[in-house]
């Protein structure tokens, strides 16, 4: 099996049923060349049940990693280290991706290979999944060029 184009890292702790929605939002993507690195970060019982169900449902797409050090940063970093993709996408266990997110970010990454980070807008939703309208004045897509050691800045792409 060749390495995927994109590795999507999802730390899982206490998201319960929301984790299934997060995973489904990745598996329903228009871009199909991906893997999901699902990081069990000492998940609770309900979340572990969702993890088991997801791994069984998508055995060719999901790799399960256990990170015993508690915390989103530790789990996310472990997932990044385990990633095989050319690009890495981060997703929290209680969030969902738009269907074309990976396509758009990969296209922008190819157009701007000097970019370090590519990210876009978000919608705030209730626990029930209802969109909460919050003024979002950020551009549609952004990318950052440089590193923390360099203050190169952010370029805005519309």
C-alpha atoms as a PDB file:
ATOM      1  CA  UNK A   1       0.000   0.000   0.000  1.00  0.00           C
ATOM      2  CA  UNK A   2       1.407   3.392  -0.970  1.00  0.00           C
ATOM      3  CA  UNK A   3       1.501   6.329   1.384  1.00  0.00           C
ATOM      4  CA  UNK A   4      -1.628   8.500   1.334  1.00  0.00           C
ATOM      5  CA  UNK A   5      -1.669  12.070   0.101  1.00  0.00           C
ATOM      6  CA  UNK A   6      -3.208  13.358   3.354  1.00  0.00           C
ATOM      7  CA  UNK A   7      -3.067  12.105   6.941  1.00  0.00           C
ATOM      8  CA  UNK A   8      -5.946  13.380   9.068  1.00  0.00           C
ATOM      9  CA  UNK A   9      -5.031  13.342  12.776  1.00  0.00           C
ATOM     10  CA  UNK A  10      -7.920  13.101  15.248  1.00  0.00           C
ATOM     11  CA  UNK A  11      -7.172  12.934  18.995  1.00  0.00           C
ATOM     12  CA  UNK A  12     -10.005  11.242  20.922  1.00  0.00           C
ATOM     13  CA  UNK A  13     -10.730  11.709  24.611  1.00  0.00           C
ATOM     14  CA  UNK A  14     -14.328  12.364  25.726  1.00  0.00           C
ATOM     15  CA  UNK A  15     -16.257  13.176  22.592  1.00  0.00           C
ATOM     16  CA  UNK A  16     -18.590  10.196  22.587  1.00  0.00           C
ATOM     17  CA  UNK A  17     -21.015  10.241  19.672  1.00  0.00           C
ATOM     18  CA  UNK A  18     -19.498  13.426  18.231  1.00  0.00           C
ATOM     19  CA  UNK A  19     -16.386  11.426  17.288  1.00  0.00           C
ATOM     20  CA  UNK A  20     -18.430   9.384  14.814  1.00  0.00           C
ATOM     21  CA  UNK A  21     -19.557  12.604  13.107  1.00  0.00           C
ATOM     22  CA  UNK A  22     -15.939  13.823  12.941  1.00  0.00           C
ATOM     23  CA  UNK A  23     -14.723  10.556  11.385  1.00  0.00           C
ATOM     24  CA  UNK A  24     -17.654  10.404   8.960  1.00  0.00           C
ATOM     25  CA  UNK A  25     -16.936  13.939   7.810  1.00  0.00           C
ATOM     26  CA  UNK A  26     -13.480  12.730   6.751  1.00  0.00           C
ATOM     27  CA  UNK A  27     -14.551   9.458   5.133  1.00  0.00           C
ATOM     28  CA  UNK A  28     -17.244  11.317   3.139  1.00  0.00           C
ATOM     29  CA  UNK A  29     -14.659  13.648   1.555  1.00  0.00           C
ATOM     30  CA  UNK A  30     -14.429  14.204  -2.172  1.00  0.00           C
ATOM     31  CA  UNK A  31     -10.669  13.562  -1.867  1.00  0.00           C
ATOM     32  CA  UNK A  32     -10.225   9.814  -1.280  1.00  0.00           C
ATOM     33  CA  UNK A  33      -6.408   9.551  -0.962  1.00  0.00           C
ATOM     34  CA  UNK A  34      -6.209   9.870   2.830  1.00  0.00           C
ATOM     35  CA  UNK A  35      -5.689   8.018   6.072  1.00  0.00           C
ATOM     36  CA  UNK A  36      -7.122   8.804   9.485  1.00  0.00           C
ATOM     37  CA  UNK A  37      -4.764   8.621  12.437  1.00  0.00           C
ATOM     38  CA  UNK A  38      -7.155   8.161  15.350  1.00  0.00           C
ATOM     39  CA  UNK A  39      -5.282   8.792  18.597  1.00  0.00           C
ATOM     40  CA  UNK A  40      -6.841   7.233  21.703  1.00  0.00           C
ATOM     41  CA  UNK A  41      -5.815   9.694  24.385  1.00  0.00           C
ATOM     42  CA  UNK A  42      -7.136   7.693  27.358  1.00  0.00           C
ATOM     43  CA  UNK A  43     -10.654   7.920  25.950  1.00  0.00           C
ATOM     44  CA  UNK A  44     -13.705   7.301  28.114  1.00  0.00           C
ATOM     45  CA  UNK A  45     -15.893   4.225  27.632  1.00  0.00           C
ATOM     46  CA  UNK A  46     -18.403   5.827  25.260  1.00  0.00           C
ATOM     47  CA  UNK A  47     -15.630   7.249  23.071  1.00  0.00           C
ATOM     48  CA  UNK A  48     -13.780   3.881  23.031  1.00  0.00           C
ATOM     49  CA  UNK A  49     -16.988   2.262  21.749  1.00  0.00           C
ATOM     50  CA  UNK A  50     -17.113   4.766  18.883  1.00  0.00           C
ATOM     51  CA  UNK A  51     -13.401   4.185  18.186  1.00  0.00           C
ATOM     52  CA  UNK A  52     -13.977   0.419  17.932  1.00  0.00           C
ATOM     53  CA  UNK A  53     -16.971   0.918  15.632  1.00  0.00           C
ATOM     54  CA  UNK A  54     -15.018   3.297  13.372  1.00  0.00           C
ATOM     55  CA  UNK A  55     -11.957   1.051  13.071  1.00  0.00           C
ATOM     56  CA  UNK A  56     -14.229  -1.877  12.171  1.00  0.00           C
ATOM     57  CA  UNK A  57     -16.177   0.221   9.636  1.00  0.00           C
ATOM     58  CA  UNK A  58     -13.090   1.701   7.912  1.00  0.00           C
ATOM     59  CA  UNK A  59     -10.204  -0.768   8.426  1.00  0.00           C
ATOM     60  CA  UNK A  60      -8.358   0.395   5.291  1.00  0.00           C
ATOM     61  CA  UNK A  61      -8.554   4.086   6.203  1.00  0.00           C
ATOM     62  CA  UNK A  62      -8.145   4.302   9.996  1.00  0.00           C
ATOM     63  CA  UNK A  63      -5.052   3.540  12.039  1.00  0.00           C
ATOM     64  CA  UNK A  64      -5.535   3.537  15.793  1.00  0.00           C
ATOM     65  CA  UNK A  65      -2.704   4.819  17.980  1.00  0.00           C
ATOM     66  CA  UNK A  66      -2.689   5.004  21.770  1.00  0.00           C
ATOM     67  CA  UNK A  67      -1.066   7.999  23.463  1.00  0.00           C
ATOM     68  CA  UNK A  68      -0.940   7.561  27.247  1.00  0.00           C
ATOM     69  CA  UNK A  69       0.219  11.111  28.008  1.00  0.00           C
ATOM     70  CA  UNK A  70      -3.001  13.015  28.595  1.00  0.00           C
ATOM     71  CA  UNK A  71      -3.686  16.133  26.593  1.00  0.00           C
ATOM     72  CA  UNK A  72      -4.641  17.252  23.111  1.00  0.00           C
ATOM     73  CA  UNK A  73      -1.113  18.441  22.319  1.00  0.00           C
ATOM     74  CA  UNK A  74       0.481  15.105  23.209  1.00  0.00           C
ATOM     75  CA  UNK A  75      -2.147  13.200  21.247  1.00  0.00           C
ATOM     76  CA  UNK A  76      -1.930  15.480  18.218  1.00  0.00           C
ATOM     77  CA  UNK A  77       1.886  15.365  18.196  1.00  0.00           C
ATOM     78  CA  UNK A  78       1.844  11.565  18.413  1.00  0.00           C
ATOM     79  CA  UNK A  79      -0.585  11.421  15.503  1.00  0.00           C
ATOM     80  CA  UNK A  80       1.627  13.711  13.439  1.00  0.00           C
ATOM     81  CA  UNK A  81       4.645  11.498  14.144  1.00  0.00           C
ATOM     82  CA  UNK A  82       2.677   8.418  13.028  1.00  0.00           C
ATOM     83  CA  UNK A  83       1.401  10.084   9.834  1.00  0.00           C
ATOM     84  CA  UNK A  84       2.429   8.758   6.440  1.00  0.00           C
ATOM     85  CA  UNK A  85       0.795  11.393   4.257  1.00  0.00           C
ATOM     86  CA  UNK A  86       2.515  14.084   2.249  1.00  0.00           C
ATOM     87  CA  UNK A  87       0.190  16.577   3.983  1.00  0.00           C
ATOM     88  CA  UNK A  88      -1.241  16.543   7.510  1.00  0.00           C
ATOM     89  CA  UNK A  89      -4.715  17.801   8.380  1.00  0.00           C
ATOM     90  CA  UNK A  90      -5.785  18.276  11.988  1.00  0.00           C
ATOM     91  CA  UNK A  91      -9.325  17.693  13.222  1.00  0.00           C
ATOM     92  CA  UNK A  92     -10.642  17.738  16.776  1.00  0.00           C
ATOM     93  CA  UNK A  93     -12.884  14.877  17.849  1.00  0.00           C
ATOM     94  CA  UNK A  94     -15.919  17.138  18.191  1.00  0.00           C
ATOM     95  CA  UNK A  95     -15.518  18.931  14.832  1.00  0.00           C
ATOM     96  CA  UNK A  96     -16.520  18.139  11.252  1.00  0.00           C
ATOM     97  CA  UNK A  97     -14.910  18.943   7.890  1.00  0.00           C
ATOM     98  CA  UNK A  98     -16.671  20.414   4.907  1.00  0.00           C
ATOM     99  CA  UNK A  99     -16.744  17.915   1.996  1.00  0.00           C
ATOM    100  CA  UNK A 100     -14.222  19.836  -0.140  1.00  0.00           C
ATOM    101  CA  UNK A 101     -11.855  20.956   2.629  1.00  0.00           C
ATOM    102  CA  UNK A 102      -9.011  18.568   1.800  1.00  0.00           C
ATOM    103  CA  UNK A 103      -9.303  19.175  -1.959  1.00  0.00           C
ATOM    104  CA  UNK A 104      -9.105  22.934  -1.485  1.00  0.00           C
ATOM    105  CA  UNK A 105      -6.218  22.805   0.980  1.00  0.00           C
ATOM    106  CA  UNK A 106      -4.186  20.379  -1.136  1.00  0.00           C
ATOM    107  CA  UNK A 107      -4.763  22.560  -4.219  1.00  0.00           C
ATOM    108  CA  UNK A 108      -3.561  25.615  -2.316  1.00  0.00           C
ATOM    109  CA  UNK A 109      -0.554  23.699  -0.939  1.00  0.00           C
ATOM    110  CA  UNK A 110       0.436  22.699  -4.465  1.00  0.00           C
ATOM    111  CA  UNK A 111      -0.019  26.259  -5.689  1.00  0.00           C
ATOM    112  CA  UNK A 112       2.040  27.640  -2.780  1.00  0.00           C
ATOM    113  CA  UNK A 113       4.654  25.031  -1.775  1.00  0.00           C
ATOM    114  CA  UNK A 114       6.346  27.650   0.409  1.00  0.00           C
ATOM    115  CA  UNK A 115       3.339  27.617   2.779  1.00  0.00           C
ATOM    116  CA  UNK A 116       3.891  26.128   6.238  1.00  0.00           C
ATOM    117  CA  UNK A 117       0.258  26.055   7.409  1.00  0.00           C
ATOM    118  CA  UNK A 118      -2.977  26.239   5.423  1.00  0.00           C
ATOM    119  CA  UNK A 119      -6.285  26.780   7.141  1.00  0.00           C
ATOM    120  CA  UNK A 120      -9.708  28.226   6.475  1.00  0.00           C
ATOM    121  CA  UNK A 121     -12.946  29.435   7.983  1.00  0.00           C
ATOM    122  CA  UNK A 122     -15.050  27.582  10.492  1.00  0.00           C
ATOM    123  CA  UNK A 123     -18.666  27.492  11.523  1.00  0.00           C
ATOM    124  CA  UNK A 124     -19.584  27.341  15.198  1.00  0.00           C
ATOM    125  CA  UNK A 125     -22.282  24.749  15.908  1.00  0.00           C
ATOM    126  CA  UNK A 126     -24.320  23.644  18.889  1.00  0.00           C
ATOM    127  CA  UNK A 127     -24.012  20.171  20.394  1.00  0.00           C
ATOM    128  CA  UNK A 128     -27.072  19.237  18.327  1.00  0.00           C
ATOM    129  CA  UNK A 129     -25.287  20.328  15.140  1.00  0.00           C
ATOM    130  CA  UNK A 130     -27.174  23.565  14.579  1.00  0.00           C
ATOM    131  CA  UNK A 131     -25.057  26.328  13.048  1.00  0.00           C
ATOM    132  CA  UNK A 132     -24.577  29.262  15.363  1.00  0.00           C
ATOM    133  CA  UNK A 133     -24.062  32.442  13.411  1.00  0.00           C
ATOM    134  CA  UNK A 134     -20.924  34.181  14.604  1.00  0.00           C
ATOM    135  CA  UNK A 135     -19.421  37.052  12.624  1.00  0.00           C
ATOM    136  CA  UNK A 136     -16.350  35.642  10.886  1.00  0.00           C
ATOM    137  CA  UNK A 137     -14.288  38.306   9.188  1.00  0.00           C
ATOM    138  CA  UNK A 138     -11.442  35.973   8.264  1.00  0.00           C
ATOM    139  CA  UNK A 139     -10.719  35.256   4.610  1.00  0.00           C
ATOM    140  CA  UNK A 140     -11.993  32.081   2.981  1.00  0.00           C
ATOM    141  CA  UNK A 141      -8.542  30.468   2.982  1.00  0.00           C
ATOM    142  CA  UNK A 142      -5.280  31.541   4.575  1.00  0.00           C
ATOM    143  CA  UNK A 143      -1.775  30.225   4.698  1.00  0.00           C
ATOM    144  CA  UNK A 144       1.237  30.999   6.832  1.00  0.00           C
ATOM    145  CA  UNK A 145       4.742  31.208   5.424  1.00  0.00           C
ATOM    146  CA  UNK A 146       7.686  30.755   7.741  1.00  0.00           C
ATOM    147  CA  UNK A 147       8.237  29.283  11.158  1.00  0.00           C
ATOM    148  CA  UNK A 148       8.001  30.447  14.740  1.00  0.00           C
ATOM    149  CA  UNK A 149      11.636  31.550  14.455  1.00  0.00           C
ATOM    150  CA  UNK A 150      10.849  33.785  11.478  1.00  0.00           C
ATOM    151  CA  UNK A 151       8.277  36.541  11.413  1.00  0.00           C
ATOM    152  CA  UNK A 152       7.415  36.264   7.762  1.00  0.00           C
ATOM    153  CA  UNK A 153       3.689  36.721   8.293  1.00  0.00           C
ATOM    154  CA  UNK A 154       0.411  35.555   6.897  1.00  0.00           C
ATOM    155  CA  UNK A 155      -0.712  35.841   3.305  1.00  0.00           C
ATOM    156  CA  UNK A 156      -4.438  36.162   2.675  1.00  0.00           C
ATOM    157  CA  UNK A 157      -5.995  34.295  -0.231  1.00  0.00           C
ATOM    158  CA  UNK A 158      -9.637  34.842  -1.247  1.00  0.00           C
END
